[in-house]
Amino acid sequence: MKSTRLIAATSISSLTLVVAGCTDSTTTGSGEFSGKTVCVDQYVSAAPTESIVEGLREALGNATRNGLELEVKNPQGDAGTEATIVQQFISSSCDVLIPVGTAAAQLHANATDEIPVVFAGSSTPVQAGLVESTSAPGGNVTGVSDALPVTEEIDAMLEIDPSIASVGVVWKLGDASGDSQSQDAKRYLDSKGIRSVDAQVQSAADVTQAVRSLQGKADAVQIPGDTTVIGSAGGVVKAANEIELPVFGGTSGAVEAGALLAATYDYKEVGKEAGNLALAILAGADPATTPVVLPPISGYAVNLSTAKSLGLTIPDSILQKATEKY
């Protein structure tokens, strides 16, 4: 993790010089990006994806005011609609593709090896086959990672409730982010002497039943961080509340929906970084040699109301790192 963060920090620094030049040219009205099109596949409506798109719009604002076209489509997680959007983007005049999340990024990356792809929010870009490495992506794909620190979340979970002996891990089977991060979570739980209980889903429609299946088998629920389950965080929390289990992980959107705690990114910043990468590539940067960016984690989101209803106390050591409270 430390080495990846160092790579990310270096990439942010180097890209700033390139992007700064792009921004200056657009503000002077030269229209450097006039006639170019950036195509965004939001994939699903959820708090993180909405924030990412907001950040993208902000980062690309000067360029769009000077002729850059920005097209945003959202299939709402529907596989058929998603496939159609991918084909439309590939066959149209898109100069840079920005898929949000790992699943969308894989579809776009598999559909073209010519159009630059800048993913926005993939927690496992190497494991997902999007890039060869975070420092040297090696193809037409680079982007911004949002690898969630499941180990830190588990540590915080145990600090809040040391009596937890088993944890239900909920993820979408076959999703690169879900598969990888769930394995990370389970390995770390095992190292702590805590039993993990699988609660796999095939789609968002399975989430409620998967969580309910944990009744009597787990003391808490962990969301490792795939787009499908995060987008269904409300359903996870509702089902967990029915069986009186605390929910950890996911994003601040999950905590806002009633989860107890999650490590947080400012997803607007994730969107801004993706927008900056897109501008750099439009200005001539090569995705193959443009490192993946990993923004810093901003802290924890905590839900004090949920803690109170479960009879749990959030320690001061965690509250001091809380960037969002509900």
Protein backbone atom coordinates (compact mmCIF):
# COMPACT_ATOMS: atom_id res chain seq x y z
CA MET A 1 0.00 0.00 0.00
CA LYS A 2 2.78 2.47 0.87
CA SER A 3 4.57 1.90 -2.42
CA THR A 4 1.34 2.34 -4.37
CA ARG A 5 0.61 5.59 -2.55
CA LEU A 6 4.13 6.82 -3.40
CA ILE A 7 3.59 5.99 -7.05
CA ALA A 8 0.25 7.79 -6.94
CA ALA A 9 1.74 10.86 -5.31
CA THR A 10 4.44 10.98 -7.96
CA SER A 11 1.89 10.62 -10.74
CA ILE A 12 -0.25 13.42 -9.34
CA SER A 13 2.79 15.70 -9.21
CA SER A 14 3.90 14.94 -12.75
CA LEU A 15 0.41 15.19 -14.18
CA THR A 16 -0.18 18.54 -12.55
CA LEU A 17 2.39 20.09 -14.88
CA VAL A 18 0.70 18.67 -17.96
CA VAL A 19 -2.83 19.51 -16.85
CA ALA A 20 -1.85 23.00 -15.78
CA GLY A 21 -0.85 23.70 -19.36
CA CYS A 22 -4.19 22.36 -20.57
CA THR A 23 -6.15 24.54 -18.19
CA ASP A 24 -4.24 27.68 -19.13
CA SER A 25 -4.89 27.18 -22.82
CA THR A 26 -8.63 26.66 -22.38
CA THR A 27 -9.05 29.70 -20.19
CA THR A 28 -7.38 31.88 -22.80
CA GLY A 29 -10.02 30.80 -25.30
CA SER A 30 -7.67 28.95 -27.64
CA GLY A 31 -10.12 26.05 -27.74
CA GLU A 32 -7.37 23.44 -27.57
CA PHE A 33 -9.97 20.72 -26.99
CA SER A 34 -12.62 22.07 -29.36
CA GLY A 35 -14.11 19.21 -31.35
CA LYS A 36 -12.93 16.58 -28.84
CA THR A 37 -15.38 14.44 -26.87
CA VAL A 38 -15.08 12.81 -23.45
CA CYS A 39 -17.64 10.05 -22.87
CA VAL A 40 -18.57 9.04 -19.32
CA ASP A 41 -20.28 5.78 -18.38
CA GLN A 42 -21.64 6.33 -14.86
CA TYR A 43 -22.81 2.67 -14.64
CA VAL A 44 -25.20 3.13 -11.69
CA SER A 45 -26.69 5.86 -9.50
CA ALA A 46 -25.10 5.84 -6.04
CA ALA A 47 -23.58 8.50 -3.82
CA PRO A 48 -19.97 7.75 -4.92
CA THR A 49 -20.77 7.70 -8.65
CA GLU A 50 -22.76 10.93 -8.42
CA SER A 51 -19.82 12.59 -6.65
CA ILE A 52 -17.38 11.23 -9.23
CA VAL A 53 -19.41 12.70 -12.09
CA GLU A 54 -19.66 16.01 -10.23
CA GLY A 55 -15.87 16.07 -9.86
CA LEU A 56 -15.41 15.20 -13.53
CA ARG A 57 -17.64 18.07 -14.58
CA GLU A 58 -15.69 20.45 -12.38
CA ALA A 59 -12.29 19.31 -13.66
CA LEU A 60 -13.42 19.54 -17.28
CA GLY A 61 -15.34 22.80 -16.78
CA ASN A 62 -12.89 25.18 -18.46
CA ALA A 63 -12.38 22.81 -21.36
CA THR A 64 -16.13 22.29 -21.93
CA ARG A 65 -16.65 26.04 -21.93
CA ASN A 66 -14.11 26.21 -24.72
CA GLY A 67 -15.40 23.51 -27.02
CA LEU A 68 -14.82 20.13 -25.34
CA GLU A 69 -17.92 17.94 -25.53
CA LEU A 70 -18.85 15.92 -22.43
CA GLU A 71 -21.34 13.07 -22.78
CA VAL A 72 -22.59 11.22 -19.68
CA LYS A 73 -24.75 8.10 -19.82
CA ASN A 74 -26.04 5.93 -16.97
CA PRO A 75 -27.38 2.40 -17.60
CA GLN A 76 -28.45 2.09 -13.94
CA GLY A 77 -26.58 -1.20 -13.68
CA ASP A 78 -28.66 -2.90 -16.38
CA ALA A 79 -26.40 -5.27 -18.33
CA GLY A 80 -28.21 -4.88 -21.66
CA THR A 81 -28.26 -1.10 -21.49
CA GLU A 82 -24.63 -1.07 -20.40
CA ALA A 83 -23.59 -3.16 -23.41
CA THR A 84 -25.45 -0.78 -25.70
CA ILE A 85 -23.75 2.26 -24.17
CA VAL A 86 -20.32 0.69 -24.57
CA GLN A 87 -20.94 0.00 -28.26
CA GLN A 88 -22.36 3.48 -28.82
CA PHE A 89 -19.32 5.07 -27.25
CA ILE A 90 -16.88 2.87 -29.17
CA SER A 91 -18.53 3.54 -32.53
CA SER A 92 -19.07 7.28 -31.98
CA SER A 93 -16.61 10.15 -31.80
CA CYS A 94 -15.40 9.63 -28.22
CA ASP A 95 -11.76 10.66 -27.81
CA VAL A 96 -11.49 9.50 -24.18
CA LEU A 97 -13.73 7.00 -22.38
CA ILE A 98 -14.31 7.39 -18.62
CA PRO A 99 -16.10 4.35 -17.15
CA VAL A 100 -17.03 4.63 -13.46
CA GLY A 101 -16.22 1.53 -11.41
CA THR A 102 -14.41 -1.71 -12.22
CA ALA A 103 -17.23 -3.54 -14.01
CA ALA A 104 -17.80 -0.71 -16.48
CA ALA A 105 -14.06 -0.24 -16.94
CA GLN A 106 -13.58 -3.90 -17.88
CA LEU A 107 -16.30 -3.70 -20.52
CA HIS A 108 -14.78 -0.61 -22.12
CA ALA A 109 -11.23 -1.93 -21.92
CA ASN A 110 -12.29 -5.21 -23.55
CA ALA A 111 -14.17 -3.36 -26.28
CA THR A 112 -11.29 -1.21 -27.54
CA ASP A 113 -7.52 -1.17 -27.53
CA GLU A 114 -7.35 2.11 -29.42
CA ILE A 115 -9.50 4.70 -27.62
CA PRO A 116 -7.91 5.83 -24.33
CA VAL A 117 -9.82 4.59 -21.28
CA VAL A 118 -9.57 6.46 -17.95
CA PHE A 119 -11.37 4.49 -15.24
CA ALA A 120 -12.75 6.46 -12.31
CA GLY A 121 -12.93 4.41 -9.14
CA SER A 122 -11.54 0.89 -9.59
CA SER A 123 -10.26 -0.57 -6.35
CA THR A 124 -8.39 -3.45 -8.02
CA PRO A 125 -7.22 -2.33 -11.48
CA VAL A 126 -4.37 -4.86 -11.69
CA GLN A 127 -6.43 -7.84 -10.50
CA ALA A 128 -9.24 -6.78 -12.84
CA GLY A 129 -6.88 -6.93 -15.80
CA LEU A 130 -7.24 -3.23 -16.56
CA VAL A 131 -3.53 -2.42 -16.25
CA GLU A 132 -0.29 -4.38 -16.04
CA SER A 133 0.79 -2.37 -13.00
CA THR A 134 -0.19 0.87 -11.31
CA SER A 135 3.14 2.49 -12.21
CA ALA A 136 3.21 1.36 -15.86
CA PRO A 137 -0.30 0.49 -17.12
CA GLY A 138 1.10 -0.77 -20.44
CA GLY A 139 -1.90 -0.27 -22.74
CA ASN A 140 -4.66 2.19 -23.55
CA VAL A 141 -6.05 2.15 -19.99
CA THR A 142 -5.14 4.14 -16.90
CA GLY A 143 -7.23 5.85 -14.24
CA VAL A 144 -7.95 6.56 -10.61
CA SER A 145 -8.08 3.77 -8.03
CA ASP A 146 -10.21 3.83 -4.89
CA ALA A 147 -8.86 0.75 -3.14
CA LEU A 148 -10.78 0.62 0.12
CA PRO A 149 -8.71 -0.23 3.20
CA VAL A 150 -10.65 -3.24 4.45
CA THR A 151 -7.97 -4.00 7.05
CA GLU A 152 -8.32 -0.56 8.62
CA GLU A 153 -12.09 -0.93 8.63
CA ILE A 154 -11.85 -4.30 10.36
CA ASP A 155 -9.48 -2.83 12.95
CA ALA A 156 -11.96 -0.02 13.59
CA MET A 157 -14.80 -2.53 13.79
CA LEU A 158 -12.97 -4.49 16.48
CA GLU A 159 -12.09 -1.32 18.33
CA ILE A 160 -15.78 -0.45 18.48
CA ASP A 161 -16.90 -3.98 19.40
CA PRO A 162 -14.12 -6.34 20.55
CA SER A 163 -16.67 -9.11 21.14
CA ILE A 164 -17.18 -9.74 17.41
CA ALA A 165 -16.19 -13.33 16.62
CA SER A 166 -17.65 -13.83 13.14
CA VAL A 167 -18.27 -11.50 10.20
CA GLY A 168 -20.50 -11.92 7.16
CA VAL A 169 -18.72 -10.72 4.01
CA VAL A 170 -21.12 -9.53 1.28
CA TRP A 171 -19.89 -9.17 -2.31
CA LYS A 172 -20.85 -9.81 -5.91
CA LEU A 173 -19.34 -13.09 -7.06
CA GLY A 174 -17.38 -12.64 -10.27
CA ASP A 175 -16.80 -8.92 -9.77
CA ALA A 176 -13.05 -8.27 -9.80
CA SER A 177 -13.24 -5.71 -7.00
CA GLY A 178 -15.62 -7.81 -4.94
CA ASP A 179 -13.66 -11.02 -5.37
CA SER A 180 -10.30 -9.44 -4.60
CA GLN A 181 -11.32 -7.27 -1.68
CA SER A 182 -13.49 -9.96 -0.11
CA GLN A 183 -10.47 -12.25 -0.12
CA ASP A 184 -8.39 -9.50 1.48
CA ALA A 185 -11.05 -9.07 4.16
CA LYS A 186 -11.33 -12.78 4.83
CA ARG A 187 -7.57 -13.25 5.08
CA TYR A 188 -7.30 -10.39 7.52
CA LEU A 189 -10.23 -11.65 9.59
CA ASP A 190 -8.57 -15.06 9.74
CA SER A 191 -5.31 -13.48 10.93
CA LYS A 192 -7.31 -11.90 13.76
CA GLY A 193 -8.87 -15.23 14.70
CA ILE A 194 -12.29 -14.15 13.43
CA ARG A 195 -14.45 -16.47 11.35
CA SER A 196 -15.72 -15.13 8.03
CA VAL A 197 -19.06 -16.17 6.56
CA ASP A 198 -19.59 -15.83 2.79
CA ALA A 199 -22.67 -13.94 1.61
CA GLN A 200 -22.22 -13.87 -2.16
CA VAL A 201 -24.67 -12.25 -4.58
CA GLN A 202 -25.15 -12.48 -8.32
CA SER A 203 -26.99 -9.18 -8.65
CA ALA A 204 -28.43 -6.34 -6.61
CA ALA A 205 -31.68 -8.29 -6.31
CA ASP A 206 -29.91 -10.90 -4.16
CA VAL A 207 -28.52 -8.51 -1.54
CA THR A 208 -31.37 -8.54 0.96
CA GLN A 209 -31.61 -12.33 1.08
CA ALA A 210 -27.83 -12.71 1.29
CA VAL A 211 -27.70 -10.49 4.38
CA ARG A 212 -30.69 -12.20 5.98
CA SER A 213 -28.92 -15.54 5.53
CA LEU A 214 -26.32 -14.33 8.05
CA GLN A 215 -28.78 -14.41 10.94
CA GLY A 216 -27.35 -16.57 13.71
CA LYS A 217 -24.12 -17.05 11.75
CA ALA A 218 -22.38 -13.67 12.07
CA ASP A 219 -21.94 -10.86 14.57
CA ALA A 220 -21.42 -8.15 11.95
CA VAL A 221 -21.57 -7.48 8.20
CA GLN A 222 -18.64 -6.30 6.08
CA ILE A 223 -19.01 -4.67 2.63
CA PRO A 224 -15.60 -5.02 0.94
CA GLY A 225 -16.46 -2.63 -1.87
CA ASP A 226 -17.81 -3.76 -5.26
CA THR A 227 -20.07 -1.37 -7.16
CA THR A 228 -23.14 -3.62 -7.10
CA VAL A 229 -23.25 -4.07 -3.32
CA ILE A 230 -22.27 -0.45 -2.62
CA GLY A 231 -25.08 0.66 -4.89
CA SER A 232 -27.43 -1.51 -2.82
CA ALA A 233 -26.14 -0.31 0.56
CA GLY A 234 -29.61 0.74 1.62
CA GLY A 235 -30.85 -2.82 1.15
CA VAL A 236 -27.85 -4.23 3.01
CA VAL A 237 -28.48 -1.96 5.99
CA LYS A 238 -32.23 -2.58 6.01
CA ALA A 239 -31.76 -6.35 6.06
CA ALA A 240 -28.99 -6.10 8.67
CA ASN A 241 -31.19 -3.94 10.89
CA GLU A 242 -33.87 -6.63 10.77
CA ILE A 243 -31.44 -9.11 12.32
CA GLU A 244 -29.68 -6.50 14.50
CA LEU A 245 -26.23 -6.72 12.92
CA PRO A 246 -23.88 -3.74 12.50
CA VAL A 247 -22.66 -3.04 8.96
CA PHE A 248 -19.06 -1.95 8.29
CA GLY A 249 -17.36 -0.93 5.08
CA GLY A 250 -18.57 0.29 1.73
CA THR A 251 -18.54 4.07 1.42
CA SER A 252 -19.90 7.12 3.19
CA GLY A 253 -23.10 6.54 1.22
CA ALA A 254 -23.51 3.23 3.03
CA VAL A 255 -22.95 4.96 6.38
CA GLU A 256 -25.48 7.63 5.48
CA ALA A 257 -27.91 4.80 4.74
CA GLY A 258 -27.30 3.37 8.22
CA ALA A 259 -24.04 1.41 8.18
CA LEU A 260 -21.96 1.98 11.29
CA LEU A 261 -18.56 2.92 9.82
CA ALA A 262 -16.59 3.07 6.59
CA ALA A 263 -13.25 4.44 5.54
CA THR A 264 -13.87 7.29 3.11
CA TYR A 265 -12.62 8.88 -0.04
CA ASP A 266 -13.80 12.23 -1.25
CA TYR A 267 -15.27 10.81 -4.45
CA LYS A 268 -15.56 14.26 -5.94
CA GLU A 269 -11.74 14.32 -5.78
CA VAL A 270 -11.67 10.91 -7.49
CA GLY A 271 -13.71 12.46 -10.30
CA LYS A 272 -11.45 15.50 -10.48
CA GLU A 273 -8.35 13.31 -10.77
CA ALA A 274 -9.99 11.29 -13.55
CA GLY A 275 -10.87 14.52 -15.34
CA ASN A 276 -7.28 15.73 -14.99
CA LEU A 277 -6.03 12.45 -16.45
CA ALA A 278 -8.43 12.81 -19.39
CA LEU A 279 -7.15 16.34 -20.08
CA ALA A 280 -3.55 15.15 -19.88
CA ILE A 281 -4.26 12.37 -22.38
CA LEU A 282 -6.08 14.75 -24.73
CA ALA A 283 -2.97 16.93 -24.52
CA GLY A 284 -0.75 14.03 -25.59
CA ALA A 285 0.02 11.90 -22.53
CA ASP A 286 0.26 8.16 -23.25
CA PRO A 287 -2.03 5.99 -21.06
CA ALA A 288 0.52 3.17 -21.25
CA THR A 289 3.06 5.24 -19.30
CA THR A 290 0.68 7.37 -17.22
CA PRO A 291 0.56 5.88 -13.70
CA VAL A 292 -2.70 5.06 -11.96
CA VAL A 293 -3.60 7.71 -9.38
CA LEU A 294 -4.56 6.77 -5.82
CA PRO A 295 -6.02 9.73 -3.90
CA PRO A 296 -5.51 9.78 -0.13
CA ILE A 297 -8.24 8.39 2.12
CA SER A 298 -9.98 11.25 3.88
CA GLY A 299 -10.84 9.44 7.13
CA TYR A 300 -13.94 7.65 8.45
CA ALA A 301 -17.64 8.15 8.06
CA VAL A 302 -19.51 7.12 11.22
CA ASN A 303 -23.19 6.83 12.02
CA LEU A 304 -23.75 7.84 15.64
CA SER A 305 -27.47 7.10 15.45
CA THR A 306 -26.79 3.54 14.34
CA ALA A 307 -24.22 3.09 17.10
CA LYS A 308 -26.75 4.28 19.69
CA SER A 309 -29.49 1.98 18.39
CA LEU A 310 -27.09 -1.00 18.56
CA GLY A 311 -25.84 -0.04 22.03
CA LEU A 312 -22.31 0.59 20.76
CA THR A 313 -19.93 3.47 21.53
CA ILE A 314 -17.62 4.99 18.93
CA PRO A 315 -14.21 5.48 20.62
CA ASP A 316 -12.64 8.96 20.59
CA SER A 317 -9.70 7.56 18.62
CA ILE A 318 -12.08 6.92 15.70
CA LEU A 319 -14.21 10.05 16.17
CA GLN A 320 -11.06 12.15 15.85
CA LYS A 321 -10.62 10.73 12.35
CA ALA A 322 -14.29 11.11 11.41
CA THR A 323 -14.81 13.28 8.35
CA GLU A 324 -18.54 12.60 8.20
CA LYS A 325 -20.98 11.97 11.03
CA TYR A 326 -24.63 10.95 10.78
